Amino acid sequence: MEPQAEGNGVAAEELKQFIERIERLEEEKAAIAGDIKEVYGELKGRGFDAKAVRKLVQMRKKPPEERAQEDAILELYMQALGMYADTPLGQAAIARATGIPVALS
């Protein structure tokens, strides 16, 4: 059962507390986002590629099984688009067929 909104009653005070809590958390979230932005700025200043680091951070959040599944789908799509030589498996196949080692990316 949902609490009824009362002008000066308990439900109104409870609602106000929830809203204030959310507002505080939103402020903290904004501060943390600013801190993260600064870290990316620092790493960029040290010569790291911020885009690549963002990708790594996203990848590390996922379980290994999920990453492996995404990699397999990506490789399948690359093959479908004729980009097979750009995949690790494609590079290994080229190296084996030609006898010329290919640098794996």
N, C-alpha and C. Protein backbone atom coordinates (compact mmCIF):
# COMPACT_ATOMS: atom_id res chain seq x y z
N MET A 1 0.84 -1.17 0.00
CA MET A 1 0.00 0.00 0.00
C MET A 1 0.89 1.25 0.00
N GLU A 2 0.59 2.19 -0.87
CA GLU A 2 1.38 3.41 -0.97
C GLU A 2 0.99 4.40 0.12
N PRO A 3 1.99 5.12 0.66
CA PRO A 3 1.65 6.13 1.67
C PRO A 3 0.89 7.28 1.02
N GLN A 4 -0.08 7.79 1.74
CA GLN A 4 -0.83 8.92 1.23
C GLN A 4 -0.08 10.21 1.51
N ALA A 5 -0.10 11.10 0.54
CA ALA A 5 0.56 12.39 0.72
C ALA A 5 -0.31 13.25 1.62
N GLU A 6 0.26 13.63 2.72
CA GLU A 6 -0.45 14.50 3.66
C GLU A 6 0.28 15.82 3.70
N GLY A 7 -0.44 16.90 3.73
CA GLY A 7 0.16 18.23 3.74
C GLY A 7 1.30 18.37 4.72
N ASN A 8 1.07 18.14 5.97
CA ASN A 8 2.11 18.27 6.99
C ASN A 8 2.31 16.96 7.74
N GLY A 9 1.84 15.87 7.17
CA GLY A 9 1.89 14.60 7.87
C GLY A 9 3.20 13.86 7.71
N VAL A 10 3.21 12.66 8.24
CA VAL A 10 4.40 11.82 8.25
C VAL A 10 4.83 11.46 6.83
N ALA A 11 3.90 11.15 5.94
CA ALA A 11 4.25 10.76 4.57
C ALA A 11 4.97 11.88 3.84
N ALA A 12 4.54 13.11 4.04
CA ALA A 12 5.19 14.24 3.39
C ALA A 12 6.62 14.41 3.90
N GLU A 13 6.82 14.23 5.20
CA GLU A 13 8.16 14.36 5.78
C GLU A 13 9.06 13.23 5.28
N GLU A 14 8.50 12.03 5.21
CA GLU A 14 9.28 10.89 4.72
C GLU A 14 9.69 11.11 3.26
N LEU A 15 8.77 11.60 2.46
CA LEU A 15 9.07 11.89 1.06
C LEU A 15 10.16 12.94 0.94
N LYS A 16 10.07 13.97 1.75
CA LYS A 16 11.07 15.03 1.75
C LYS A 16 12.45 14.47 2.09
N GLN A 17 12.52 13.55 3.06
CA GLN A 17 13.78 12.95 3.44
C GLN A 17 14.39 12.13 2.30
N PHE A 18 13.53 11.38 1.61
CA PHE A 18 14.02 10.62 0.45
C PHE A 18 14.59 11.55 -0.61
N ILE A 19 13.87 12.61 -0.90
CA ILE A 19 14.32 13.56 -1.93
C ILE A 19 15.63 14.21 -1.53
N GLU A 20 15.76 14.61 -0.28
CA GLU A 20 17.00 15.23 0.18
C GLU A 20 18.17 14.25 0.12
N ARG A 21 17.88 12.99 0.43
CA ARG A 21 18.93 11.97 0.35
C ARG A 21 19.38 11.78 -1.10
N ILE A 22 18.43 11.74 -2.01
CA ILE A 22 18.77 11.62 -3.43
C ILE A 22 19.58 12.82 -3.89
N GLU A 23 19.19 14.01 -3.47
CA GLU A 23 19.92 15.21 -3.85
C GLU A 23 21.36 15.18 -3.35
N ARG A 24 21.58 14.73 -2.11
CA ARG A 24 22.95 14.61 -1.58
C ARG A 24 23.76 13.61 -2.39
N LEU A 25 23.14 12.49 -2.72
CA LEU A 25 23.85 11.47 -3.50
C LEU A 25 24.18 11.99 -4.91
N GLU A 26 23.27 12.75 -5.50
CA GLU A 26 23.53 13.34 -6.82
C GLU A 26 24.71 14.30 -6.75
N GLU A 27 24.81 15.07 -5.67
CA GLU A 27 25.95 15.98 -5.50
C GLU A 27 27.25 15.19 -5.37
N GLU A 28 27.21 14.10 -4.60
CA GLU A 28 28.40 13.26 -4.45
C GLU A 28 28.79 12.64 -5.79
N LYS A 29 27.79 12.21 -6.54
CA LYS A 29 28.04 11.60 -7.85
C LYS A 29 28.71 12.60 -8.78
N ALA A 30 28.25 13.85 -8.75
CA ALA A 30 28.85 14.89 -9.60
C ALA A 30 30.30 15.14 -9.19
N ALA A 31 30.56 15.14 -7.89
CA ALA A 31 31.93 15.36 -7.42
C ALA A 31 32.83 14.21 -7.85
N ILE A 32 32.34 12.99 -7.73
CA ILE A 32 33.13 11.82 -8.15
C ILE A 32 33.37 11.85 -9.65
N ALA A 33 32.36 12.24 -10.43
CA ALA A 33 32.53 12.34 -11.88
C ALA A 33 33.62 13.36 -12.22
N GLY A 34 33.66 14.44 -11.47
CA GLY A 34 34.71 15.44 -11.66
C GLY A 34 36.09 14.89 -11.35
N ASP A 35 36.17 14.09 -10.28
CA ASP A 35 37.44 13.46 -9.92
C ASP A 35 37.91 12.50 -11.01
N ILE A 36 36.97 11.72 -11.53
CA ILE A 36 37.31 10.77 -12.60
C ILE A 36 37.80 11.52 -13.83
N LYS A 37 37.14 12.62 -14.16
CA LYS A 37 37.55 13.42 -15.30
C LYS A 37 38.98 13.93 -15.12
N GLU A 38 39.32 14.33 -13.90
CA GLU A 38 40.68 14.80 -13.61
C GLU A 38 41.70 13.68 -13.82
N VAL A 39 41.36 12.46 -13.39
CA VAL A 39 42.28 11.33 -13.55
C VAL A 39 42.52 11.06 -15.04
N TYR A 40 41.45 11.11 -15.84
CA TYR A 40 41.62 10.92 -17.28
C TYR A 40 42.50 12.03 -17.87
N GLY A 41 42.34 13.25 -17.37
CA GLY A 41 43.19 14.34 -17.82
C GLY A 41 44.64 14.10 -17.48
N GLU A 42 44.88 13.59 -16.27
CA GLU A 42 46.25 13.28 -15.85
C GLU A 42 46.87 12.20 -16.73
N LEU A 43 46.13 11.14 -16.97
CA LEU A 43 46.71 10.05 -17.76
C LEU A 43 46.94 10.49 -19.20
N LYS A 44 46.06 11.36 -19.71
CA LYS A 44 46.27 11.90 -21.06
C LYS A 44 47.54 12.75 -21.09
N GLY A 45 47.75 13.52 -20.03
CA GLY A 45 48.94 14.35 -19.92
C GLY A 45 50.22 13.53 -19.84
N ARG A 46 50.10 12.29 -19.39
CA ARG A 46 51.26 11.39 -19.29
C ARG A 46 51.44 10.56 -20.56
N GLY A 47 50.63 10.85 -21.59
CA GLY A 47 50.81 10.18 -22.88
C GLY A 47 49.93 8.96 -23.11
N PHE A 48 49.03 8.66 -22.18
CA PHE A 48 48.14 7.52 -22.37
C PHE A 48 46.93 7.95 -23.19
N ASP A 49 46.35 7.01 -23.91
CA ASP A 49 45.16 7.26 -24.71
C ASP A 49 43.93 7.10 -23.81
N ALA A 50 43.26 8.20 -23.54
CA ALA A 50 42.12 8.19 -22.62
C ALA A 50 40.99 7.30 -23.14
N LYS A 51 40.76 7.30 -24.44
CA LYS A 51 39.70 6.47 -25.03
C LYS A 51 39.97 4.99 -24.77
N ALA A 52 41.22 4.59 -24.97
CA ALA A 52 41.60 3.20 -24.76
C ALA A 52 41.46 2.82 -23.28
N VAL A 53 41.83 3.74 -22.41
CA VAL A 53 41.73 3.46 -20.97
C VAL A 53 40.26 3.34 -20.57
N ARG A 54 39.40 4.19 -21.12
CA ARG A 54 37.96 4.08 -20.83
C ARG A 54 37.44 2.71 -21.25
N LYS A 55 37.89 2.25 -22.41
CA LYS A 55 37.48 0.93 -22.91
C LYS A 55 37.96 -0.17 -21.96
N LEU A 56 39.20 -0.05 -21.49
CA LEU A 56 39.73 -1.04 -20.54
C LEU A 56 38.94 -1.04 -19.24
N VAL A 57 38.57 0.13 -18.76
CA VAL A 57 37.79 0.22 -17.53
C VAL A 57 36.45 -0.47 -17.72
N GLN A 58 35.81 -0.24 -18.87
CA GLN A 58 34.53 -0.89 -19.16
C GLN A 58 34.70 -2.41 -19.23
N MET A 59 35.77 -2.85 -19.89
CA MET A 59 36.02 -4.28 -20.03
C MET A 59 36.23 -4.94 -18.68
N ARG A 60 36.96 -4.29 -17.80
CA ARG A 60 37.29 -4.88 -16.50
C ARG A 60 36.06 -5.00 -15.59
N LYS A 61 35.02 -4.24 -15.88
CA LYS A 61 33.79 -4.33 -15.10
C LYS A 61 33.02 -5.61 -15.41
N LYS A 62 33.27 -6.17 -16.59
CA LYS A 62 32.50 -7.33 -17.04
C LYS A 62 33.19 -8.63 -16.64
N PRO A 63 32.39 -9.67 -16.38
CA PRO A 63 32.99 -10.97 -16.10
C PRO A 63 33.69 -11.51 -17.35
N PRO A 64 34.72 -12.34 -17.16
CA PRO A 64 35.47 -12.87 -18.31
C PRO A 64 34.59 -13.57 -19.34
N GLU A 65 33.57 -14.29 -18.88
CA GLU A 65 32.68 -15.00 -19.82
C GLU A 65 31.95 -14.01 -20.73
N GLU A 66 31.49 -12.91 -20.16
CA GLU A 66 30.77 -11.91 -20.94
C GLU A 66 31.70 -11.25 -21.96
N ARG A 67 32.93 -10.96 -21.53
CA ARG A 67 33.91 -10.36 -22.46
C ARG A 67 34.22 -11.33 -23.59
N ALA A 68 34.40 -12.61 -23.26
CA ALA A 68 34.72 -13.60 -24.29
C ALA A 68 33.58 -13.72 -25.29
N GLN A 69 32.35 -13.68 -24.81
CA GLN A 69 31.20 -13.76 -25.70
C GLN A 69 31.15 -12.54 -26.62
N GLU A 70 31.39 -11.36 -26.07
CA GLU A 70 31.39 -10.14 -26.89
C GLU A 70 32.51 -10.18 -27.92
N ASP A 71 33.69 -10.65 -27.51
CA ASP A 71 34.81 -10.76 -28.45
C ASP A 71 34.48 -11.72 -29.59
N ALA A 72 33.84 -12.85 -29.26
CA ALA A 72 33.49 -13.83 -30.28
C ALA A 72 32.49 -13.24 -31.27
N ILE A 73 31.51 -12.51 -30.76
CA ILE A 73 30.52 -11.89 -31.64
C ILE A 73 31.17 -10.82 -32.51
N LEU A 74 32.05 -10.03 -31.92
CA LEU A 74 32.76 -9.00 -32.68
C LEU A 74 33.58 -9.63 -33.79
N GLU A 75 34.29 -10.71 -33.48
CA GLU A 75 35.10 -11.39 -34.49
C GLU A 75 34.22 -11.94 -35.60
N LEU A 76 33.07 -12.51 -35.24
CA LEU A 76 32.13 -13.03 -36.24
C LEU A 76 31.65 -11.91 -37.17
N TYR A 77 31.31 -10.77 -36.60
CA TYR A 77 30.85 -9.64 -37.40
C TYR A 77 31.97 -9.11 -38.30
N MET A 78 33.19 -9.08 -37.77
CA MET A 78 34.32 -8.62 -38.58
C MET A 78 34.53 -9.55 -39.77
N GLN A 79 34.39 -10.85 -39.54
CA GLN A 79 34.51 -11.81 -40.63
C GLN A 79 33.44 -11.56 -41.68
N ALA A 80 32.21 -11.31 -41.21
CA ALA A 80 31.09 -11.08 -42.13
C ALA A 80 31.32 -9.84 -42.99
N LEU A 81 32.06 -8.88 -42.46
CA LEU A 81 32.33 -7.64 -43.19
C LEU A 81 33.63 -7.69 -43.97
N GLY A 82 34.25 -8.87 -44.03
CA GLY A 82 35.50 -9.00 -44.77
C GLY A 82 36.69 -8.44 -44.03
N MET A 83 36.59 -8.33 -42.74
CA MET A 83 37.68 -7.78 -41.93
C MET A 83 38.41 -8.90 -41.19
N TYR A 84 38.36 -10.12 -41.74
CA TYR A 84 38.92 -11.30 -41.08
C TYR A 84 40.40 -11.14 -40.82
N ALA A 85 41.13 -10.53 -41.74
CA ALA A 85 42.58 -10.39 -41.57
C ALA A 85 42.92 -9.51 -40.37
N ASP A 86 41.97 -8.73 -39.91
CA ASP A 86 42.21 -7.86 -38.75
C ASP A 86 42.01 -8.57 -37.42
N THR A 87 41.51 -9.81 -37.46
CA THR A 87 41.28 -10.53 -36.22
C THR A 87 42.51 -11.36 -35.87
N PRO A 88 42.72 -11.67 -34.59
CA PRO A 88 43.87 -12.51 -34.22
C PRO A 88 43.86 -13.86 -34.94
N LEU A 89 42.68 -14.46 -35.06
CA LEU A 89 42.59 -15.74 -35.76
C LEU A 89 42.94 -15.58 -37.23
N GLY A 90 42.47 -14.51 -37.84
CA GLY A 90 42.79 -14.25 -39.24
C GLY A 90 44.27 -14.00 -39.45
N GLN A 91 44.89 -13.28 -38.55
CA GLN A 91 46.33 -13.02 -38.65
C GLN A 91 47.13 -14.30 -38.51
N ALA A 92 46.70 -15.17 -37.61
CA ALA A 92 47.39 -16.45 -37.43
C ALA A 92 47.24 -17.31 -38.69
N ALA A 93 46.06 -17.29 -39.30
CA ALA A 93 45.84 -18.07 -40.52
C ALA A 93 46.71 -17.55 -41.66
N ILE A 94 46.84 -16.25 -41.78
CA ILE A 94 47.69 -15.66 -42.82
C ILE A 94 49.14 -16.05 -42.59
N ALA A 95 49.59 -15.98 -41.36
CA ALA A 95 50.97 -16.34 -41.04
C ALA A 95 51.24 -17.80 -41.37
N ARG A 96 50.30 -18.66 -41.06
CA ARG A 96 50.49 -20.09 -41.34
C ARG A 96 50.48 -20.36 -42.84
N ALA A 97 49.59 -19.71 -43.56
CA ALA A 97 49.47 -19.95 -45.00
C ALA A 97 50.66 -19.41 -45.77
N THR A 98 51.20 -18.29 -45.34
CA THR A 98 52.29 -17.66 -46.09
C THR A 98 53.66 -18.00 -45.52
N GLY A 99 53.68 -18.46 -44.29
CA GLY A 99 54.96 -18.72 -43.65
C GLY A 99 55.63 -17.46 -43.14
N ILE A 100 54.95 -16.34 -43.30
CA ILE A 100 55.48 -15.04 -42.85
C ILE A 100 54.78 -14.68 -41.54
N PRO A 101 55.57 -14.53 -40.48
CA PRO A 101 54.93 -14.17 -39.20
C PRO A 101 54.25 -12.81 -39.29
N VAL A 102 53.07 -12.74 -38.73
CA VAL A 102 52.31 -11.50 -38.70
C VAL A 102 52.25 -11.04 -37.25
N ALA A 103 52.52 -9.77 -37.04
CA ALA A 103 52.45 -9.22 -35.68
C ALA A 103 51.00 -9.23 -35.23
N LEU A 104 50.74 -9.89 -34.11
CA LEU A 104 49.38 -9.93 -33.58
C LEU A 104 49.06 -8.62 -32.89
N SER A 105 47.87 -8.14 -33.15
CA SER A 105 47.46 -6.87 -32.52
C SER A 105 46.69 -7.13 -31.27
